[in-house]
Amino acid sequence: MDPSMSNNQVLERIRSIQSGGGSLAKKAVKVADPELMRNALFYFPSWDNAIQAAND
């Protein structure tokens, strides 16, 4: 699979969801933004790792 977003775009989208008060629960993101989830799991070993990287 080729990613449709860059690593930085993934992190920015996670930060945007957080700042907007949206849920970062894995199931919620899979439903609301499957593209984000696919790309996050391309760059990071888990969804939790992607969230942590966005907060670093």
Protein backbone atom coordinates (compact mmCIF):
# COMPACT_ATOMS: atom_id res chain seq x y z
CA MET A 1 0.00 0.00 0.00
CA ASP A 2 1.25 3.45 -0.86
CA PRO A 3 0.32 6.14 1.65
CA SER A 4 -1.97 8.94 0.48
CA MET A 5 -0.75 11.26 3.24
CA SER A 6 2.68 12.18 4.53
CA ASN A 7 3.80 11.37 8.05
CA ASN A 8 3.43 15.05 8.97
CA GLN A 9 -0.08 15.20 7.50
CA VAL A 10 -1.09 12.24 9.67
CA LEU A 11 0.25 13.95 12.78
CA GLU A 12 -1.41 17.26 11.90
CA ARG A 13 -4.77 15.58 11.33
CA ILE A 14 -4.53 13.82 14.71
CA ARG A 15 -3.70 17.17 16.35
CA SER A 16 -6.63 18.77 14.54
CA ILE A 17 -9.06 16.14 15.84
CA GLN A 18 -7.70 16.64 19.37
CA SER A 19 -7.93 20.42 19.26
CA GLY A 20 -11.46 20.22 17.89
CA GLY A 21 -12.56 18.03 20.75
CA GLY A 22 -13.09 14.95 18.60
CA SER A 23 -12.63 11.39 19.74
CA LEU A 24 -9.31 9.68 19.09
CA ALA A 25 -10.72 6.27 20.02
CA LYS A 26 -9.52 3.80 17.41
CA LYS A 27 -13.03 2.62 16.49
CA ALA A 28 -14.32 6.19 16.17
CA VAL A 29 -11.47 7.21 13.86
CA LYS A 30 -11.86 4.05 11.74
CA VAL A 31 -15.46 5.06 11.08
CA ALA A 32 -15.02 8.83 10.80
CA ASP A 33 -11.69 8.94 8.93
CA PRO A 34 -10.57 5.55 7.59
CA GLU A 35 -7.94 7.22 5.40
CA LEU A 36 -6.26 8.68 8.48
CA MET A 37 -6.27 5.30 10.19
CA ARG A 38 -4.76 3.51 7.17
CA ASN A 39 -2.01 6.08 6.82
CA ALA A 40 -1.27 6.23 10.55
CA LEU A 41 -0.81 2.45 10.62
CA PHE A 42 1.47 2.69 7.58
CA TYR A 43 3.85 5.05 9.43
CA PHE A 44 3.44 3.82 13.02
CA PRO A 45 3.28 0.35 14.57
CA SER A 46 -0.03 1.15 16.30
CA TRP A 47 -2.70 3.84 16.58
CA ASP A 48 -1.51 4.59 20.12
CA ASN A 49 2.02 5.20 18.79
CA ALA A 50 0.62 7.66 16.24
CA ILE A 51 -1.27 9.58 18.94
CA GLN A 52 1.83 9.67 21.12
CA ALA A 53 3.95 10.98 18.23
CA ALA A 54 1.39 13.73 17.59
CA ASN A 55 1.65 14.79 21.23
CA ASP A 56 5.46 14.79 21.40
